[in-house]
Amino acid sequence: MNRSLSSIAAPELRFPSPARLRVGDRFVFLPTVDAAIDWLRSPANAALCQRLTQALELLLAAQGSRSSSDLHAGYSALLEGAEREGLVFR
């Protein structure tokens, strides 16, 4: 079987430690960049996504570049934004 490289998915970028957020009465577990991006882009989180634009932009950059420095910047921005928004994380 001959597969092109484009058909092989790259492994997901895992956070150093999963982001654990409390949003209202829900708990959100975000172990990867892809999970965080999908969660932020969810229509239910549109208002929160607008306030966490910098985190989303940095996470998208990390997804594209796959560099550890971009991953760290996106992860840090997500946690800082969560703290600023009053979301509890551990």
N, C-alpha and C. Protein backbone atom coordinates (compact mmCIF):
# COMPACT_ATOMS: atom_id res chain seq x y z
N MET A 1 0.85 -1.17 0.00
CA MET A 1 0.00 0.00 0.00
C MET A 1 0.90 1.24 0.00
N ASN A 2 0.66 2.14 -0.90
CA ASN A 2 1.45 3.35 -1.03
C ASN A 2 0.61 4.54 -0.60
N ARG A 3 1.01 5.20 0.46
CA ARG A 3 0.27 6.37 0.96
C ARG A 3 1.08 7.63 0.71
N SER A 4 0.39 8.68 0.37
CA SER A 4 1.08 9.96 0.24
C SER A 4 1.24 10.54 1.64
N LEU A 5 2.23 11.40 1.79
CA LEU A 5 2.46 12.02 3.10
C LEU A 5 1.27 12.85 3.54
N SER A 6 0.54 13.43 2.61
CA SER A 6 -0.59 14.27 2.99
C SER A 6 -1.72 13.47 3.62
N SER A 7 -1.75 12.16 3.40
CA SER A 7 -2.82 11.35 3.98
C SER A 7 -2.48 10.86 5.39
N ILE A 8 -1.27 11.10 5.83
CA ILE A 8 -0.86 10.67 7.16
C ILE A 8 -0.95 11.87 8.10
N ALA A 9 -1.78 11.74 9.12
CA ALA A 9 -1.97 12.84 10.06
C ALA A 9 -0.76 12.96 10.99
N ALA A 10 -0.39 14.19 11.27
CA ALA A 10 0.68 14.45 12.23
C ALA A 10 0.15 14.17 13.63
N PRO A 11 1.00 13.72 14.54
CA PRO A 11 0.53 13.49 15.90
C PRO A 11 0.09 14.80 16.54
N GLU A 12 -0.88 14.70 17.42
CA GLU A 12 -1.38 15.90 18.08
C GLU A 12 -0.31 16.48 19.00
N LEU A 13 -0.31 17.80 19.09
CA LEU A 13 0.61 18.49 20.01
C LEU A 13 0.01 18.47 21.40
N ARG A 14 0.66 17.79 22.31
CA ARG A 14 0.17 17.69 23.68
C ARG A 14 0.72 18.84 24.52
N PHE A 15 -0.12 19.35 25.41
CA PHE A 15 0.32 20.37 26.35
C PHE A 15 1.23 19.72 27.39
N PRO A 16 2.12 20.53 28.01
CA PRO A 16 3.00 19.98 29.06
C PRO A 16 2.18 19.34 30.19
N SER A 17 1.06 19.94 30.50
CA SER A 17 0.10 19.42 31.46
C SER A 17 -1.26 19.84 30.94
N PRO A 18 -2.24 18.94 30.91
CA PRO A 18 -3.54 19.31 30.34
C PRO A 18 -4.13 20.53 31.04
N ALA A 19 -4.73 21.40 30.26
CA ALA A 19 -5.42 22.56 30.83
C ALA A 19 -6.75 22.06 31.39
N ARG A 20 -7.00 22.36 32.64
CA ARG A 20 -8.25 21.97 33.29
C ARG A 20 -8.95 23.26 33.70
N LEU A 21 -10.09 23.50 33.08
CA LEU A 21 -10.82 24.74 33.31
C LEU A 21 -12.18 24.44 33.91
N ARG A 22 -12.69 25.39 34.65
CA ARG A 22 -14.06 25.30 35.14
C ARG A 22 -14.80 26.48 34.53
N VAL A 23 -15.78 26.15 33.72
CA VAL A 23 -16.57 27.16 33.03
C VAL A 23 -18.00 27.02 33.53
N GLY A 24 -18.39 27.91 34.42
CA GLY A 24 -19.71 27.78 35.04
C GLY A 24 -19.76 26.50 35.86
N ASP A 25 -20.72 25.65 35.54
CA ASP A 25 -20.83 24.38 36.27
C ASP A 25 -20.22 23.21 35.50
N ARG A 26 -19.47 23.53 34.44
CA ARG A 26 -18.83 22.49 33.62
C ARG A 26 -17.32 22.49 33.85
N PHE A 27 -16.74 21.32 33.75
CA PHE A 27 -15.29 21.19 33.78
C PHE A 27 -14.83 20.84 32.37
N VAL A 28 -13.76 21.48 31.93
CA VAL A 28 -13.24 21.28 30.59
C VAL A 28 -11.80 20.79 30.71
N PHE A 29 -11.50 19.71 30.02
CA PHE A 29 -10.17 19.10 30.02
C PHE A 29 -9.59 19.25 28.62
N LEU A 30 -8.48 19.97 28.50
CA LEU A 30 -7.87 20.24 27.19
C LEU A 30 -6.44 19.71 27.18
N PRO A 31 -6.25 18.48 26.69
CA PRO A 31 -4.91 17.89 26.71
C PRO A 31 -4.02 18.28 25.53
N THR A 32 -4.62 18.79 24.45
CA THR A 32 -3.85 19.06 23.24
C THR A 32 -4.19 20.43 22.65
N VAL A 33 -3.32 20.89 21.76
CA VAL A 33 -3.56 22.14 21.04
C VAL A 33 -4.85 22.02 20.23
N ASP A 34 -5.03 20.91 19.53
CA ASP A 34 -6.23 20.72 18.71
C ASP A 34 -7.50 20.79 19.56
N ALA A 35 -7.49 20.16 20.72
CA ALA A 35 -8.66 20.19 21.61
C ALA A 35 -8.96 21.61 22.07
N ALA A 36 -7.92 22.37 22.40
CA ALA A 36 -8.11 23.75 22.85
C ALA A 36 -8.66 24.62 21.73
N ILE A 37 -8.13 24.46 20.53
CA ILE A 37 -8.61 25.24 19.39
C ILE A 37 -10.07 24.90 19.10
N ASP A 38 -10.39 23.62 19.07
CA ASP A 38 -11.78 23.20 18.81
C ASP A 38 -12.72 23.75 19.88
N TRP A 39 -12.29 23.71 21.14
CA TRP A 39 -13.12 24.20 22.23
C TRP A 39 -13.33 25.71 22.11
N LEU A 40 -12.25 26.45 21.84
CA LEU A 40 -12.38 27.90 21.71
C LEU A 40 -13.26 28.29 20.53
N ARG A 41 -13.18 27.53 19.44
CA ARG A 41 -13.95 27.85 18.23
C ARG A 41 -15.40 27.35 18.27
N SER A 42 -15.75 26.62 19.30
CA SER A 42 -17.11 26.11 19.42
C SER A 42 -18.08 27.29 19.51
N PRO A 43 -19.22 27.20 18.80
CA PRO A 43 -20.19 28.30 18.87
C PRO A 43 -20.63 28.63 20.30
N ALA A 44 -20.66 27.65 21.16
CA ALA A 44 -21.06 27.88 22.55
C ALA A 44 -20.05 28.76 23.29
N ASN A 45 -18.83 28.84 22.79
CA ASN A 45 -17.77 29.61 23.45
C ASN A 45 -17.39 30.87 22.67
N ALA A 46 -18.27 31.34 21.81
CA ALA A 46 -17.94 32.48 20.94
C ALA A 46 -17.52 33.72 21.73
N ALA A 47 -18.25 34.04 22.78
CA ALA A 47 -17.91 35.24 23.57
C ALA A 47 -16.56 35.07 24.26
N LEU A 48 -16.32 33.90 24.81
CA LEU A 48 -15.04 33.64 25.46
C LEU A 48 -13.91 33.67 24.45
N CYS A 49 -14.14 33.12 23.28
CA CYS A 49 -13.12 33.10 22.23
C CYS A 49 -12.72 34.52 21.84
N GLN A 50 -13.69 35.44 21.79
CA GLN A 50 -13.37 36.83 21.46
C GLN A 50 -12.44 37.44 22.50
N ARG A 51 -12.62 37.05 23.74
CA ARG A 51 -11.77 37.60 24.81
C ARG A 51 -10.42 36.89 24.90
N LEU A 52 -10.33 35.70 24.32
CA LEU A 52 -9.08 34.94 24.34
C LEU A 52 -8.46 34.85 22.94
N THR A 53 -8.62 35.92 22.18
CA THR A 53 -8.12 35.95 20.80
C THR A 53 -6.62 35.69 20.73
N GLN A 54 -5.86 36.31 21.63
CA GLN A 54 -4.40 36.12 21.60
C GLN A 54 -4.04 34.66 21.82
N ALA A 55 -4.69 34.02 22.76
CA ALA A 55 -4.42 32.60 23.02
C ALA A 55 -4.74 31.76 21.78
N LEU A 56 -5.88 32.03 21.14
CA LEU A 56 -6.25 31.28 19.95
C LEU A 56 -5.23 31.49 18.83
N GLU A 57 -4.81 32.73 18.62
CA GLU A 57 -3.82 33.00 17.57
C GLU A 57 -2.51 32.26 17.83
N LEU A 58 -2.07 32.26 19.08
CA LEU A 58 -0.82 31.57 19.42
C LEU A 58 -0.96 30.05 19.30
N LEU A 59 -2.13 29.53 19.66
CA LEU A 59 -2.37 28.09 19.51
C LEU A 59 -2.40 27.70 18.03
N LEU A 60 -3.00 28.54 17.20
CA LEU A 60 -3.01 28.27 15.76
C LEU A 60 -1.59 28.30 15.19
N ALA A 61 -0.77 29.24 15.68
CA ALA A 61 0.62 29.30 15.24
C ALA A 61 1.37 28.03 15.64
N ALA A 62 1.12 27.56 16.86
CA ALA A 62 1.77 26.32 17.32
C ALA A 62 1.32 25.13 16.49
N GLN A 63 0.05 25.10 16.15
CA GLN A 63 -0.47 24.01 15.34
C GLN A 63 0.20 23.99 13.97
N GLY A 64 0.43 25.18 13.42
CA GLY A 64 1.05 25.27 12.10
C GLY A 64 2.55 25.00 12.11
N SER A 65 3.24 25.55 13.10
CA SER A 65 4.70 25.44 13.12
C SER A 65 5.19 24.17 13.81
N ARG A 66 4.39 23.69 14.79
CA ARG A 66 4.75 22.51 15.58
C ARG A 66 6.04 22.73 16.38
N SER A 67 6.38 23.99 16.65
CA SER A 67 7.60 24.27 17.42
C SER A 67 7.28 24.31 18.91
N SER A 68 8.24 23.92 19.71
CA SER A 68 8.03 23.89 21.16
C SER A 68 7.87 25.30 21.73
N SER A 69 8.55 26.28 21.15
CA SER A 69 8.40 27.65 21.66
C SER A 69 7.01 28.19 21.38
N ASP A 70 6.45 27.89 20.20
CA ASP A 70 5.08 28.30 19.90
C ASP A 70 4.08 27.56 20.78
N LEU A 71 4.34 26.29 21.04
CA LEU A 71 3.47 25.51 21.92
C LEU A 71 3.46 26.12 23.31
N HIS A 72 4.63 26.46 23.83
CA HIS A 72 4.73 27.07 25.16
C HIS A 72 4.00 28.41 25.20
N ALA A 73 4.18 29.24 24.18
CA ALA A 73 3.52 30.55 24.14
C ALA A 73 2.00 30.41 24.11
N GLY A 74 1.50 29.49 23.30
CA GLY A 74 0.05 29.28 23.22
C GLY A 74 -0.52 28.74 24.52
N TYR A 75 0.18 27.79 25.12
CA TYR A 75 -0.26 27.20 26.38
C TYR A 75 -0.28 28.26 27.48
N SER A 76 0.78 29.06 27.56
CA SER A 76 0.85 30.12 28.57
C SER A 76 -0.26 31.14 28.38
N ALA A 77 -0.51 31.53 27.13
CA ALA A 77 -1.57 32.51 26.85
C ALA A 77 -2.94 31.95 27.22
N LEU A 78 -3.16 30.66 26.97
CA LEU A 78 -4.43 30.04 27.33
C LEU A 78 -4.62 30.06 28.85
N LEU A 79 -3.60 29.69 29.59
CA LEU A 79 -3.71 29.68 31.05
C LEU A 79 -3.85 31.09 31.62
N GLU A 80 -3.11 32.05 31.07
CA GLU A 80 -3.23 33.44 31.52
C GLU A 80 -4.62 33.98 31.24
N GLY A 81 -5.14 33.69 30.05
CA GLY A 81 -6.49 34.12 29.71
C GLY A 81 -7.53 33.47 30.60
N ALA A 82 -7.35 32.20 30.91
CA ALA A 82 -8.28 31.51 31.80
C ALA A 82 -8.28 32.14 33.18
N GLU A 83 -7.10 32.48 33.67
CA GLU A 83 -7.02 33.14 34.98
C GLU A 83 -7.68 34.51 34.93
N ARG A 84 -7.42 35.28 33.90
CA ARG A 84 -8.00 36.61 33.74
C ARG A 84 -9.53 36.54 33.68
N GLU A 85 -10.05 35.50 33.05
CA GLU A 85 -11.50 35.34 32.89
C GLU A 85 -12.16 34.72 34.13
N GLY A 86 -11.36 34.38 35.12
CA GLY A 86 -11.90 33.80 36.34
C GLY A 86 -12.22 32.32 36.22
N LEU A 87 -11.65 31.67 35.22
CA LEU A 87 -11.84 30.23 35.07
C LEU A 87 -10.82 29.54 35.96
N VAL A 88 -11.25 28.59 36.72
CA VAL A 88 -10.36 27.88 37.63
C VAL A 88 -9.62 26.83 36.83
N PHE A 89 -8.32 26.77 36.99
CA PHE A 89 -7.56 25.70 36.34
C PHE A 89 -6.53 25.16 37.32
N ARG A 90 -6.16 23.92 37.09
CA ARG A 90 -5.16 23.27 37.94
C ARG A 90 -4.07 22.73 37.06
